[in-house]
Amino acid sequence: MDEEKITLTIEQLRQQLSQMVKEKGFSDAAVIALSQKLDIYIVQYQQRYPEGK
């Protein structure tokens, strides 16, 4: 996955997460699962495209 695709995926997941939190709250299992999925993409992005390199 290239930088543009990862960035787009992260943004889409953030939007989904924000909406889901409004509907279900922070402690819902689906919210937690989506948050963890978003975390994986963020870590991938940070590892592939470290700041300043």
PDB file of N, CA and C in Angstrom:
ATOM      1  N   MET A   1       0.859  -1.178   0.000  1.00  0.00           N
ATOM      2  CA  MET A   1       0.000   0.000   0.000  1.00  0.00           C
ATOM      3  C   MET A   1       0.902   1.238   0.000  1.00  0.00           C
ATOM      4  N   ASP A   2       0.633   2.171  -0.897  1.00  0.00           N
ATOM      5  CA  ASP A   2       1.468   3.362  -0.960  1.00  0.00           C
ATOM      6  C   ASP A   2       0.970   4.438   0.021  1.00  0.00           C
ATOM      7  N   GLU A   3       1.736   5.505   0.127  1.00  0.00           N
ATOM      8  CA  GLU A   3       1.448   6.550   1.116  1.00  0.00           C
ATOM      9  C   GLU A   3       0.055   7.145   0.936  1.00  0.00           C
ATOM     10  N   GLU A   4      -0.333   7.399  -0.288  1.00  0.00           N
ATOM     11  CA  GLU A   4      -1.645   8.001  -0.548  1.00  0.00           C
ATOM     12  C   GLU A   4      -2.783   7.088  -0.105  1.00  0.00           C
ATOM     13  N   LYS A   5      -2.653   5.793  -0.375  1.00  0.00           N
ATOM     14  CA  LYS A   5      -3.696   4.834   0.010  1.00  0.00           C
ATOM     15  C   LYS A   5      -3.783   4.690   1.527  1.00  0.00           C
ATOM     16  N   ILE A   6      -2.643   4.635   2.189  1.00  0.00           N
ATOM     17  CA  ILE A   6      -2.654   4.529   3.652  1.00  0.00           C
ATOM     18  C   ILE A   6      -3.273   5.779   4.266  1.00  0.00           C
ATOM     19  N   THR A   7      -2.891   6.941   3.736  1.00  0.00           N
ATOM     20  CA  THR A   7      -3.444   8.205   4.247  1.00  0.00           C
ATOM     21  C   THR A   7      -4.956   8.253   4.062  1.00  0.00           C
ATOM     22  N   LEU A   8      -5.423   7.843   2.896  1.00  0.00           N
ATOM     23  CA  LEU A   8      -6.857   7.829   2.623  1.00  0.00           C
ATOM     24  C   LEU A   8      -7.580   6.851   3.544  1.00  0.00           C
ATOM     25  N   THR A   9      -7.011   5.680   3.735  1.00  0.00           N
ATOM     26  CA  THR A   9      -7.614   4.684   4.628  1.00  0.00           C
ATOM     27  C   THR A   9      -7.689   5.210   6.059  1.00  0.00           C
ATOM     28  N   ILE A  10      -6.615   5.843   6.522  1.00  0.00           N
ATOM     29  CA  ILE A  10      -6.603   6.419   7.869  1.00  0.00           C
ATOM     30  C   ILE A  10      -7.707   7.461   8.013  1.00  0.00           C
ATOM     31  N   GLU A  11      -7.840   8.324   7.035  1.00  0.00           N
ATOM     32  CA  GLU A  11      -8.867   9.369   7.106  1.00  0.00           C
ATOM     33  C   GLU A  11     -10.271   8.773   7.105  1.00  0.00           C
ATOM     34  N   GLN A  12     -10.501   7.771   6.279  1.00  0.00           N
ATOM     35  CA  GLN A  12     -11.812   7.118   6.241  1.00  0.00           C
ATOM     36  C   GLN A  12     -12.131   6.443   7.575  1.00  0.00           C
ATOM     37  N   LEU A  13     -11.144   5.765   8.140  1.00  0.00           N
ATOM     38  CA  LEU A  13     -11.353   5.097   9.433  1.00  0.00           C
ATOM     39  C   LEU A  13     -11.600   6.113  10.545  1.00  0.00           C
ATOM     40  N   ARG A  14     -10.908   7.234  10.505  1.00  0.00           N
ATOM     41  CA  ARG A  14     -11.130   8.289  11.507  1.00  0.00           C
ATOM     42  C   ARG A  14     -12.556   8.813  11.440  1.00  0.00           C
ATOM     43  N   GLN A  15     -13.038   9.030  10.228  1.00  0.00           N
ATOM     44  CA  GLN A  15     -14.405   9.516  10.069  1.00  0.00           C
ATOM     45  C   GLN A  15     -15.418   8.491  10.571  1.00  0.00           C
ATOM     46  N   GLN A  16     -15.190   7.219  10.216  1.00  0.00           N
ATOM     47  CA  GLN A  16     -16.080   6.156  10.693  1.00  0.00           C
ATOM     48  C   GLN A  16     -16.066   6.072  12.214  1.00  0.00           C
ATOM     49  N   LEU A  17     -14.870   6.163  12.780  1.00  0.00           N
ATOM     50  CA  LEU A  17     -14.726   6.068  14.229  1.00  0.00           C
ATOM     51  C   LEU A  17     -15.442   7.230  14.923  1.00  0.00           C
ATOM     52  N   SER A  18     -15.262   8.406  14.397  1.00  0.00           N
ATOM     53  CA  SER A  18     -15.916   9.584  14.978  1.00  0.00           C
ATOM     54  C   SER A  18     -17.434   9.423  14.982  1.00  0.00           C
ATOM     55  N   GLN A  19     -17.983   8.974  13.871  1.00  0.00           N
ATOM     56  CA  GLN A  19     -19.430   8.775  13.780  1.00  0.00           C
ATOM     57  C   GLN A  19     -19.891   7.668  14.723  1.00  0.00           C
ATOM     58  N   MET A  20     -19.147   6.583  14.771  1.00  0.00           N
ATOM     59  CA  MET A  20     -19.521   5.460  15.613  1.00  0.00           C
ATOM     60  C   MET A  20     -19.498   5.843  17.095  1.00  0.00           C
ATOM     61  N   VAL A  21     -18.521   6.653  17.498  1.00  0.00           N
ATOM     62  CA  VAL A  21     -18.441   7.098  18.892  1.00  0.00           C
ATOM     63  C   VAL A  21     -19.668   7.927  19.249  1.00  0.00           C
ATOM     64  N   LYS A  22     -20.110   8.782  18.325  1.00  0.00           N
ATOM     65  CA  LYS A  22     -21.310   9.594  18.569  1.00  0.00           C
ATOM     66  C   LYS A  22     -22.536   8.720  18.773  1.00  0.00           C
ATOM     67  N   GLU A  23     -22.591   7.622  18.034  1.00  0.00           N
ATOM     68  CA  GLU A  23     -23.761   6.738  18.097  1.00  0.00           C
ATOM     69  C   GLU A  23     -23.706   5.748  19.258  1.00  0.00           C
ATOM     70  N   LYS A  24     -22.507   5.218  19.554  1.00  0.00           N
ATOM     71  CA  LYS A  24     -22.408   4.098  20.491  1.00  0.00           C
ATOM     72  C   LYS A  24     -21.622   4.385  21.760  1.00  0.00           C
ATOM     73  N   GLY A  25     -20.845   5.473  21.772  1.00  0.00           N
ATOM     74  CA  GLY A  25     -20.009   5.759  22.928  1.00  0.00           C
ATOM     75  C   GLY A  25     -18.645   5.106  22.803  1.00  0.00           C
ATOM     76  N   PHE A  26     -17.768   5.466  23.728  1.00  0.00           N
ATOM     77  CA  PHE A  26     -16.375   5.023  23.651  1.00  0.00           C
ATOM     78  C   PHE A  26     -16.154   3.565  24.041  1.00  0.00           C
ATOM     79  N   SER A  27     -17.020   3.005  24.854  1.00  0.00           N
ATOM     80  CA  SER A  27     -16.754   1.671  25.398  1.00  0.00           C
ATOM     81  C   SER A  27     -17.405   0.533  24.611  1.00  0.00           C
ATOM     82  N   ASP A  28     -18.093   0.829  23.533  1.00  0.00           N
ATOM     83  CA  ASP A  28     -18.718  -0.205  22.716  1.00  0.00           C
ATOM     84  C   ASP A  28     -17.643  -1.073  22.044  1.00  0.00           C
ATOM     85  N   ALA A  29     -17.888  -2.361  21.967  1.00  0.00           N
ATOM     86  CA  ALA A  29     -16.903  -3.295  21.399  1.00  0.00           C
ATOM     87  C   ALA A  29     -16.564  -2.956  19.945  1.00  0.00           C
ATOM     88  N   ALA A  30     -17.547  -2.548  19.166  1.00  0.00           N
ATOM     89  CA  ALA A  30     -17.297  -2.205  17.762  1.00  0.00           C
ATOM     90  C   ALA A  30     -16.426  -0.955  17.650  1.00  0.00           C
ATOM     91  N   VAL A  31     -16.619  -0.004  18.545  1.00  0.00           N
ATOM     92  CA  VAL A  31     -15.802   1.213  18.565  1.00  0.00           C
ATOM     93  C   VAL A  31     -14.355   0.858  18.904  1.00  0.00           C
ATOM     94  N   ILE A  32     -14.184   0.017  19.884  1.00  0.00           N
ATOM     95  CA  ILE A  32     -12.836  -0.401  20.288  1.00  0.00           C
ATOM     96  C   ILE A  32     -12.146  -1.147  19.150  1.00  0.00           C
ATOM     97  N   ALA A  33     -12.871  -2.034  18.488  1.00  0.00           N
ATOM     98  CA  ALA A  33     -12.293  -2.803  17.377  1.00  0.00           C
ATOM     99  C   ALA A  33     -11.873  -1.878  16.234  1.00  0.00           C
ATOM    100  N   LEU A  34     -12.705  -0.912  15.897  1.00  0.00           N
ATOM    101  CA  LEU A  34     -12.378   0.029  14.828  1.00  0.00           C
ATOM    102  C   LEU A  34     -11.198   0.909  15.223  1.00  0.00           C
ATOM    103  N   SER A  35     -11.147   1.303  16.472  1.00  0.00           N
ATOM    104  CA  SER A  35     -10.029   2.094  16.967  1.00  0.00           C
ATOM    105  C   SER A  35      -8.717   1.317  16.859  1.00  0.00           C
ATOM    106  N   GLN A  36      -8.760   0.044  17.177  1.00  0.00           N
ATOM    107  CA  GLN A  36      -7.564  -0.801  17.080  1.00  0.00           C
ATOM    108  C   GLN A  36      -7.132  -0.971  15.626  1.00  0.00           C
ATOM    109  N   LYS A  37      -8.095  -1.095  14.724  1.00  0.00           N
ATOM    110  CA  LYS A  37      -7.784  -1.195  13.297  1.00  0.00           C
ATOM    111  C   LYS A  37      -7.115   0.095  12.819  1.00  0.00           C
ATOM    112  N   LEU A  38      -7.646   1.228  13.240  1.00  0.00           N
ATOM    113  CA  LEU A  38      -7.057   2.517  12.894  1.00  0.00           C
ATOM    114  C   LEU A  38      -5.641   2.624  13.439  1.00  0.00           C
ATOM    115  N   ASP A  39      -5.428   2.172  14.659  1.00  0.00           N
ATOM    116  CA  ASP A  39      -4.089   2.181  15.262  1.00  0.00           C
ATOM    117  C   ASP A  39      -3.083   1.424  14.405  1.00  0.00           C
ATOM    118  N   ILE A  40      -3.495   0.295  13.869  1.00  0.00           N
ATOM    119  CA  ILE A  40      -2.600  -0.520  13.035  1.00  0.00           C
ATOM    120  C   ILE A  40      -2.161   0.267  11.801  1.00  0.00           C
ATOM    121  N   TYR A  41      -3.094   0.942  11.165  1.00  0.00           N
ATOM    122  CA  TYR A  41      -2.749   1.730   9.971  1.00  0.00           C
ATOM    123  C   TYR A  41      -1.858   2.916  10.322  1.00  0.00           C
ATOM    124  N   ILE A  42      -2.115   3.549  11.451  1.00  0.00           N
ATOM    125  CA  ILE A  42      -1.287   4.686  11.868  1.00  0.00           C
ATOM    126  C   ILE A  42       0.145   4.223  12.135  1.00  0.00           C
ATOM    127  N   VAL A  43       0.299   3.109  12.828  1.00  0.00           N
ATOM    128  CA  VAL A  43       1.637   2.581  13.107  1.00  0.00           C
ATOM    129  C   VAL A  43       2.337   2.209  11.806  1.00  0.00           C
ATOM    130  N   GLN A  44       1.618   1.570  10.892  1.00  0.00           N
ATOM    131  CA  GLN A  44       2.190   1.241   9.580  1.00  0.00           C
ATOM    132  C   GLN A  44       2.698   2.503   8.887  1.00  0.00           C
ATOM    133  N   TYR A  45       1.879   3.535   8.896  1.00  0.00           N
ATOM    134  CA  TYR A  45       2.256   4.795   8.256  1.00  0.00           C
ATOM    135  C   TYR A  45       3.516   5.369   8.903  1.00  0.00           C
ATOM    136  N   GLN A  46       3.542   5.397  10.212  1.00  0.00           N
ATOM    137  CA  GLN A  46       4.689   5.955  10.926  1.00  0.00           C
ATOM    138  C   GLN A  46       5.959   5.165  10.670  1.00  0.00           C
ATOM    139  N   GLN A  47       5.845   3.853  10.527  1.00  0.00           N
ATOM    140  CA  GLN A  47       7.018   3.023  10.260  1.00  0.00           C
ATOM    141  C   GLN A  47       7.529   3.204   8.832  1.00  0.00           C
ATOM    142  N   ARG A  48       6.624   3.335   7.904  1.00  0.00           N
ATOM    143  CA  ARG A  48       7.017   3.465   6.492  1.00  0.00           C
ATOM    144  C   ARG A  48       7.468   4.865   6.125  1.00  0.00           C
ATOM    145  N   TYR A  49       6.877   5.860   6.760  1.00  0.00           N
ATOM    146  CA  TYR A  49       7.150   7.245   6.403  1.00  0.00           C
ATOM    147  C   TYR A  49       7.520   8.056   7.645  1.00  0.00           C
ATOM    148  N   PRO A  50       8.661   7.732   8.244  1.00  0.00           N
ATOM    149  CA  PRO A  50       9.051   8.451   9.463  1.00  0.00           C
ATOM    150  C   PRO A  50       9.293   9.935   9.168  1.00  0.00           C
ATOM    151  N   GLU A  51       8.908  10.754  10.093  1.00  0.00           N
ATOM    152  CA  GLU A  51       9.053  12.207   9.954  1.00  0.00           C
ATOM    153  C   GLU A  51      10.526  12.569   9.857  1.00  0.00           C
ATOM    154  N   GLY A  52      10.847  13.453   8.923  1.00  0.00           N
ATOM    155  CA  GLY A  52      12.202  13.950   8.809  1.00  0.00           C
ATOM    156  C   GLY A  52      13.133  13.089   7.984  1.00  0.00           C
ATOM    157  N   LYS A  53      12.619  12.029   7.387  1.00  0.00           N
ATOM    158  CA  LYS A  53      13.486  11.175   6.558  1.00  0.00           C
ATOM    159  C   LYS A  53      13.047  11.202   5.125  1.00  0.00           C
TER     160      LYS A  53
END
